Amino acid sequence: MNLSDFDYELPEKLIADYPAEPRDESRLLILDKVNHKIVHDKFFNLSKYLRAGDILVLNNSKVYPARLVGQKKETGGKVEILLNHELIDGEWEVLGKGLKIGATIVFDGSLLECVVNAQNDNCYTVKFNLDCEPFFDEVEKIGNVPIPPYIESKRDVSDIRKKADKENYQTVYAKERGSVAAPTAGLHFTEKVFSDLRERGVDVEELTLHVGLGTFAPVKVDDITKHQIHREFFSIQKDVVRKLILAKKTGHRIVTVGTTSTRVLEYVFSDEKILGSLNESSASTISGWTDIYIYPGYKFKIVDGIVTNFHLPKSTLIMLVSAFAGSDNIKAAYQEAIKNEYRFYSYGDAMIII
């Protein structure tokens, strides 16, 4: 399978700079992958396409403002770092440019500072002087949300609406801090949508997958099977897994919100050791790291439907939905969305594949 198989032409005007207001006013394309049919609607009508007894699974990870702008203490030169994940006790893996081992970075208006300890290309290990909640208190004060590059590049530097990203680039149900990028399929949900789902008899469950910087990493090999996907931390309650098993046994559907929720469930249900541990341990939660890579040819174990956004060409995300719906279905849906001027990418419109 070649990378070019997942390419398509998108008019730049269809890249969404900002989300719909209100969120659930975004458009919704319904793709019937079995009958090869497409319907157009609005996201606030999502419940129409689900059935009583279906389980909708959300990723409740919360985005934190991981982009920090500071100065080199020794020279005063401006520097920007992007937090990726904490290694141990205030030591973090970050992305940056032009840093030197031993350099100290300070941040205006903050007690926070860090020392660069190691380097691997543009990836650095830094040690902060604060940890735990004091660290995150400072990050919340001075940090910016690392919105995707294709949005950032279209923004005016002085655009005051950038301040709204801290709220807009966050799902209304976000709980567990740890993502540097939003699970964007969830951005369309509102309390009204959830109310309609409950009235419909749809069960809503949660898991956590902390989205890392690898979500922005391009695929650089022509043979997509040679690509190495990034690892991300996940957790899911065992009771949720048991509910999903029971739902499948009783003929109900499992519908994930986003590729992140999809990857967690497929990882869990592909691992016999994890499933075998459901009744063997006193622990109530399954957690760990997953680098499951889903592309056409993959056989889905648990997921029956996916709520998703329209993804970048040649991305692992479009590969995943192509694996689920079939490449021809996805190509047809994307061309239909372009023809009807849907808004694309993180702040864009949505699709449900069922």
Protein backbone atom coordinates (compact mmCIF):
# COMPACT_ATOMS: atom_id res chain seq x y z
CA MET A 1 0.00 0.00 0.00
CA ASN A 2 1.41 3.34 -1.07
CA LEU A 3 1.15 6.65 0.74
CA SER A 4 -0.26 8.24 -2.41
CA ASP A 5 -3.37 6.01 -2.06
CA PHE A 6 -4.43 8.26 0.83
CA ASP A 7 -3.90 11.60 -0.87
CA TYR A 8 -6.57 14.04 -2.05
CA GLU A 9 -6.80 17.66 -3.17
CA LEU A 10 -8.47 20.07 -0.74
CA PRO A 11 -9.23 23.72 -1.53
CA GLU A 12 -7.53 25.83 1.13
CA LYS A 13 -10.76 27.71 1.83
CA LEU A 14 -12.24 24.50 3.30
CA ILE A 15 -9.66 24.31 6.12
CA ALA A 16 -11.53 25.49 9.22
CA ASP A 17 -9.79 28.26 11.18
CA TYR A 18 -12.36 28.28 13.96
CA PRO A 19 -15.05 25.92 15.25
CA ALA A 20 -18.75 26.21 14.53
CA GLU A 21 -20.73 28.32 17.00
CA PRO A 22 -22.44 26.70 18.77
CA ARG A 23 -20.41 23.53 18.51
CA ASP A 24 -23.27 21.24 17.50
CA GLU A 25 -24.14 23.47 14.51
CA SER A 26 -21.33 21.78 12.61
CA ARG A 27 -22.40 19.69 9.67
CA LEU A 28 -22.61 15.90 9.85
CA LEU A 29 -22.07 13.54 6.94
CA ILE A 30 -23.56 10.10 7.51
CA LEU A 31 -21.71 7.33 5.67
CA ASP A 32 -23.48 3.98 5.41
CA LYS A 33 -20.46 1.81 4.69
CA VAL A 34 -22.47 -1.31 3.90
CA ASN A 35 -24.95 0.20 1.45
CA HIS A 36 -22.53 2.86 0.17
CA LYS A 37 -24.97 5.68 0.90
CA ILE A 38 -24.33 9.25 2.08
CA VAL A 39 -26.74 11.55 3.93
CA HIS A 40 -26.18 15.18 5.00
CA ASP A 41 -27.35 16.57 8.34
CA LYS A 42 -26.26 18.67 11.33
CA PHE A 43 -24.37 17.33 14.33
CA PHE A 44 -27.18 18.22 16.75
CA ASN A 45 -29.14 15.39 15.09
CA LEU A 46 -26.50 12.75 15.86
CA SER A 47 -28.91 10.74 18.04
CA LYS A 48 -31.09 10.02 14.97
CA TYR A 49 -28.39 7.72 13.65
CA LEU A 50 -27.92 5.68 16.81
CA ARG A 51 -30.18 3.10 18.45
CA ALA A 52 -31.28 2.30 21.98
CA GLY A 53 -28.67 0.02 23.53
CA ASP A 54 -25.80 1.35 21.43
CA ILE A 55 -22.75 2.38 23.45
CA LEU A 56 -20.97 5.60 22.50
CA VAL A 57 -17.36 5.68 23.77
CA LEU A 58 -15.62 9.03 24.38
CA ASN A 59 -12.00 9.98 25.07
CA ASN A 60 -12.11 12.24 28.15
CA SER A 61 -8.48 13.40 27.93
CA LYS A 62 -7.96 17.10 28.63
CA VAL A 63 -5.65 19.36 26.63
CA TYR A 64 -3.19 21.49 28.59
CA PRO A 65 -1.44 24.62 27.18
CA ALA A 66 1.79 22.86 26.26
CA ARG A 67 3.42 25.60 24.15
CA LEU A 68 5.77 27.70 26.32
CA VAL A 69 7.66 30.79 25.15
CA GLY A 70 10.72 31.82 27.17
CA GLN A 71 14.25 33.18 26.97
CA LYS A 72 17.69 31.68 27.26
CA LYS A 73 18.96 32.92 30.61
CA GLU A 74 22.51 33.24 29.32
CA THR A 75 21.80 35.26 26.17
CA GLY A 76 18.21 36.54 26.41
CA GLY A 77 17.39 34.89 23.07
CA LYS A 78 13.77 33.92 22.55
CA VAL A 79 12.97 30.20 22.61
CA GLU A 80 9.80 28.16 22.26
CA ILE A 81 9.34 24.65 23.61
CA LEU A 82 6.47 22.25 23.25
CA LEU A 83 5.86 19.90 26.15
CA ASN A 84 5.34 16.30 25.05
CA HIS A 85 5.20 14.15 28.18
CA GLU A 86 6.67 13.97 31.65
CA LEU A 87 9.38 11.38 32.15
CA ILE A 88 9.81 11.54 35.94
CA ASP A 89 9.66 14.13 38.74
CA GLY A 90 9.66 17.35 36.73
CA GLU A 91 11.79 15.99 33.89
CA TRP A 92 10.06 16.36 30.53
CA GLU A 93 10.52 15.42 26.91
CA VAL A 94 9.97 18.56 24.80
CA LEU A 95 10.31 19.73 21.23
CA GLY A 96 12.35 22.81 20.45
CA LYS A 97 15.03 24.29 18.21
CA GLY A 98 18.45 25.77 18.78
CA LEU A 99 18.82 24.69 22.40
CA LYS A 100 22.10 23.65 23.96
CA ILE A 101 22.71 21.13 26.68
CA GLY A 102 23.24 22.95 29.96
CA ALA A 103 21.25 26.03 28.89
CA THR A 104 18.69 27.49 31.31
CA ILE A 105 15.32 28.72 30.02
CA VAL A 106 13.28 31.25 32.01
CA PHE A 107 9.69 32.33 31.40
CA ASP A 108 8.36 35.88 31.79
CA GLY A 109 5.80 36.37 34.54
CA SER A 110 6.46 32.96 36.00
CA LEU A 111 8.51 31.21 38.67
CA LEU A 112 9.10 28.44 36.16
CA GLU A 113 12.49 27.68 34.62
CA CYS A 114 14.21 24.63 33.22
CA VAL A 115 17.64 23.28 32.31
CA VAL A 116 18.33 21.37 29.09
CA ASN A 117 19.83 17.98 29.96
CA ALA A 118 19.88 16.01 26.70
CA GLN A 119 19.12 16.24 22.98
CA ASN A 120 17.96 13.89 20.21
CA ASP A 121 17.42 15.88 16.98
CA ASN A 122 14.67 18.42 17.82
CA CYS A 123 13.64 16.47 20.90
CA TYR A 124 15.12 17.50 24.24
CA THR A 125 15.02 16.37 27.84
CA VAL A 126 14.62 19.29 30.25
CA LYS A 127 14.39 19.46 34.03
CA PHE A 128 11.97 21.99 35.53
CA ASN A 129 12.33 23.57 38.95
CA LEU A 130 8.69 22.78 39.76
CA ASP A 131 6.66 19.59 39.71
CA CYS A 132 3.08 18.33 40.10
CA GLU A 133 0.36 20.96 40.65
CA PRO A 134 2.73 23.93 41.17
CA PHE A 135 4.20 23.12 37.74
CA PHE A 136 0.81 22.91 36.03
CA ASP A 137 -0.40 26.06 37.79
CA GLU A 138 2.43 27.96 36.08
CA VAL A 139 1.85 26.22 32.74
CA GLU A 140 -1.83 27.20 32.82
CA LYS A 141 -0.77 30.79 33.49
CA ILE A 142 1.80 31.21 30.73
CA GLY A 143 1.21 28.42 28.23
CA ASN A 144 -0.60 28.48 24.90
CA VAL A 145 -2.65 25.71 23.35
CA PRO A 146 -0.58 24.04 20.60
CA ILE A 147 -3.20 24.23 17.88
CA PRO A 148 -2.30 22.31 14.71
CA PRO A 149 0.21 23.91 12.32
CA TYR A 150 -2.31 24.13 9.48
CA ILE A 151 -4.48 26.38 11.67
CA GLU A 152 -1.62 28.33 13.23
CA SER A 153 -0.21 29.21 9.81
CA LYS A 154 -3.50 30.86 8.81
CA ARG A 155 -3.81 32.94 11.96
CA ASP A 156 -2.79 36.55 12.25
CA VAL A 157 -0.18 37.03 14.97
CA SER A 158 -2.36 39.65 16.62
CA ASP A 159 -5.54 37.59 16.34
CA ILE A 160 -7.28 38.00 19.71
CA ARG A 161 -9.42 34.93 19.05
CA LYS A 162 -6.33 32.79 19.66
CA LYS A 163 -7.09 33.30 23.34
CA ALA A 164 -10.36 31.46 22.84
CA ASP A 165 -8.51 28.28 21.82
CA LYS A 166 -8.06 27.30 25.46
CA GLU A 167 -11.83 26.76 25.57
CA ASN A 168 -12.57 25.92 21.93
CA TYR A 169 -9.82 23.32 21.57
CA GLN A 170 -11.26 21.28 24.43
CA THR A 171 -14.21 18.91 24.59
CA VAL A 172 -17.02 19.79 27.00
CA TYR A 173 -16.44 16.47 28.77
CA ALA A 174 -12.63 16.72 29.15
CA LYS A 175 -11.49 15.50 32.59
CA GLU A 176 -8.10 13.81 32.62
CA ARG A 177 -5.24 16.25 31.92
CA GLY A 178 -2.56 14.94 29.60
CA SER A 179 -3.10 15.72 25.90
CA VAL A 180 -1.18 18.20 23.77
CA ALA A 181 -3.79 17.91 21.01
CA ALA A 182 -7.55 17.57 21.29
CA PRO A 183 -9.45 14.40 20.37
CA THR A 184 -11.19 16.59 17.81
CA ALA A 185 -14.18 14.41 16.94
CA GLY A 186 -15.46 15.26 20.41
CA LEU A 187 -15.38 19.02 19.87
CA HIS A 188 -18.87 18.96 18.33
CA PHE A 189 -20.64 17.64 21.42
CA THR A 190 -22.85 19.81 23.65
CA GLU A 191 -25.01 19.07 26.66
CA LYS A 192 -28.04 19.12 24.36
CA VAL A 193 -26.52 16.40 22.18
CA PHE A 194 -25.89 14.27 25.27
CA SER A 195 -29.44 14.88 26.49
CA ASP A 196 -30.82 13.67 23.15
CA LEU A 197 -28.58 10.60 23.27
CA ARG A 198 -29.82 9.70 26.75
CA GLU A 199 -33.42 10.16 25.64
CA ARG A 200 -32.71 7.87 22.70
CA GLY A 201 -31.43 5.17 25.08
CA VAL A 202 -27.80 5.38 24.01
CA ASP A 203 -25.29 4.55 26.75
CA VAL A 204 -22.28 6.89 26.94
CA GLU A 205 -19.01 5.57 28.37
CA GLU A 206 -15.51 7.04 28.69
CA LEU A 207 -11.89 6.06 28.37
CA THR A 208 -8.68 8.09 28.34
CA LEU A 209 -5.98 8.35 25.71
CA HIS A 210 -3.52 11.23 26.04
CA VAL A 211 -2.85 12.54 22.55
CA GLY A 212 0.86 13.19 21.97
CA LEU A 213 2.86 15.25 19.52
CA GLY A 214 3.08 12.25 17.23
CA THR A 215 -0.45 12.99 16.09
CA PHE A 216 1.06 15.78 13.94
CA ALA A 217 3.92 13.63 12.65
CA PRO A 218 3.77 13.09 8.88
CA VAL A 219 4.19 9.67 7.31
CA LYS A 220 7.53 9.85 5.49
CA VAL A 221 7.67 6.44 3.80
CA ASP A 222 5.95 5.46 0.55
CA ASP A 223 5.19 1.97 1.85
CA ILE A 224 2.81 2.76 4.71
CA THR A 225 3.44 -0.60 6.36
CA LYS A 226 6.96 0.62 7.17
CA HIS A 227 5.72 3.60 9.20
CA GLN A 228 6.25 3.51 12.96
CA ILE A 229 3.37 5.10 14.84
CA HIS A 230 3.85 6.99 18.10
CA ARG A 231 3.04 5.56 21.57
CA GLU A 232 0.34 7.12 23.70
CA PHE A 233 -0.83 6.43 27.25
CA PHE A 234 -4.35 5.07 27.78
CA SER A 235 -6.61 3.87 30.55
CA ILE A 236 -10.07 2.33 30.66
CA GLN A 237 -12.19 1.02 33.49
CA LYS A 238 -12.68 -2.76 33.51
CA ASP A 239 -16.39 -2.23 34.08
CA VAL A 240 -16.56 -0.36 30.78
CA VAL A 241 -14.86 -3.26 28.99
CA ARG A 242 -17.35 -5.68 30.54
CA LYS A 243 -20.26 -3.48 29.37
CA LEU A 244 -18.90 -3.50 25.84
CA ILE A 245 -18.59 -7.28 25.83
CA LEU A 246 -22.18 -7.65 27.07
CA ALA A 247 -23.47 -5.14 24.53
CA LYS A 248 -21.88 -7.06 21.66
CA LYS A 249 -23.30 -10.33 22.94
CA THR A 250 -26.80 -8.83 23.03
CA GLY A 251 -26.61 -7.41 19.50
CA HIS A 252 -25.90 -3.75 20.29
CA ARG A 253 -23.33 -1.56 18.56
CA ILE A 254 -20.14 0.01 19.88
CA VAL A 255 -19.60 3.47 18.39
CA THR A 256 -16.40 5.35 19.14
CA VAL A 257 -15.91 9.10 19.10
CA GLY A 258 -12.68 9.69 17.23
CA THR A 259 -9.68 7.67 16.14
CA THR A 260 -8.21 7.88 19.66
CA SER A 261 -11.11 5.99 21.26
CA THR A 262 -11.05 3.56 18.35
CA ARG A 263 -7.38 2.77 18.82
CA VAL A 264 -7.75 2.13 22.54
CA LEU A 265 -10.66 -0.27 22.14
CA GLU A 266 -9.05 -2.14 19.26
CA TYR A 267 -5.81 -2.43 21.21
CA VAL A 268 -7.57 -3.77 24.31
CA PHE A 269 -9.72 -6.23 22.37
CA SER A 270 -6.72 -7.45 20.35
CA ASP A 271 -4.81 -8.46 23.47
CA GLU A 272 -5.89 -11.76 24.99
CA LYS A 273 -3.80 -11.11 28.10
CA ILE A 274 -5.69 -7.90 28.80
CA LEU A 275 -9.06 -9.53 28.26
CA GLY A 276 -8.00 -12.49 30.37
CA SER A 277 -7.07 -10.18 33.23
CA LEU A 278 -10.60 -8.78 33.61
CA ASN A 279 -11.38 -11.18 36.46
CA GLU A 280 -7.86 -11.98 37.63
CA SER A 281 -6.80 -8.77 39.32
CA SER A 282 -8.15 -6.50 42.02
CA ALA A 283 -7.26 -3.46 39.89
CA SER A 284 -10.32 -1.70 38.48
CA THR A 285 -8.48 -0.04 35.58
CA ILE A 286 -6.57 -1.25 32.55
CA SER A 287 -3.80 1.16 31.58
CA GLY A 288 -0.60 1.26 29.58
CA TRP A 289 0.90 2.47 26.32
CA THR A 290 -0.39 1.70 22.87
CA ASP A 291 1.15 2.15 19.43
CA ILE A 292 -1.50 0.21 17.53
CA TYR A 293 -1.36 1.20 13.86
CA ILE A 294 -4.55 0.61 11.87
CA TYR A 295 -4.60 0.75 8.07
CA PRO A 296 -6.56 -1.09 5.33
CA GLY A 297 -6.47 -4.83 5.78
CA TYR A 298 -6.97 -4.59 9.54
CA LYS A 299 -9.90 -6.63 10.92
CA PHE A 300 -11.83 -4.70 13.56
CA LYS A 301 -12.50 -6.59 16.79
CA ILE A 302 -15.06 -4.45 18.63
CA VAL A 303 -15.91 -1.13 16.92
CA ASP A 304 -19.12 -0.96 14.84
CA GLY A 305 -19.25 2.78 14.14
CA ILE A 306 -17.02 5.83 14.32
CA VAL A 307 -17.78 9.53 14.78
CA THR A 308 -14.85 11.37 13.21
CA ASN A 309 -13.65 14.56 11.55
CA PHE A 310 -12.26 14.94 8.02
CA HIS A 311 -8.55 14.22 8.23
CA LEU A 312 -5.37 15.41 6.53
CA PRO A 313 -4.25 13.67 3.34
CA LYS A 314 -1.64 10.94 3.82
CA SER A 315 -2.23 10.83 7.59
CA THR A 316 -2.50 7.74 9.78
CA LEU A 317 -5.97 9.02 10.71
CA ILE A 318 -7.34 8.79 7.17
CA MET A 319 -5.72 5.35 6.95
CA LEU A 320 -7.66 4.23 10.02
CA VAL A 321 -11.05 5.37 8.74
CA SER A 322 -10.22 3.84 5.33
CA ALA A 323 -9.57 0.55 7.08
CA PHE A 324 -12.94 0.80 8.82
CA ALA A 325 -15.18 2.01 6.00
CA GLY A 326 -13.23 0.84 2.96
CA SER A 327 -10.98 3.09 0.90
CA ASP A 328 -13.54 3.56 -1.88
CA ASN A 329 -16.21 4.65 0.61
CA ILE A 330 -13.88 7.16 2.23
CA LYS A 331 -12.76 8.60 -1.10
CA ALA A 332 -16.39 9.00 -2.15
CA ALA A 333 -17.35 10.60 1.18
CA TYR A 334 -14.45 13.04 1.07
CA GLN A 335 -15.25 14.08 -2.50
CA GLU A 336 -18.89 14.55 -1.54
CA ALA A 337 -17.84 16.66 1.45
CA ILE A 338 -15.58 18.81 -0.75
CA LYS A 339 -18.33 19.25 -3.34
CA ASN A 340 -20.70 20.39 -0.60
CA GLU A 341 -18.06 22.64 0.98
CA TYR A 342 -17.78 20.94 4.33
CA ARG A 343 -15.17 22.39 6.68
CA PHE A 344 -12.13 20.15 7.17
CA TYR A 345 -9.63 19.15 9.88
CA SER A 346 -9.60 19.81 13.63
CA TYR A 347 -12.12 22.67 13.78
CA GLY A 348 -14.09 21.33 10.83
CA ASP A 349 -17.26 19.33 10.36
CA ALA A 350 -17.95 15.72 11.30
CA MET A 351 -18.84 12.36 9.83
CA ILE A 352 -20.38 9.26 11.34
CA ILE A 353 -19.46 5.96 9.71
CA ILE A 354 -21.98 3.30 10.58
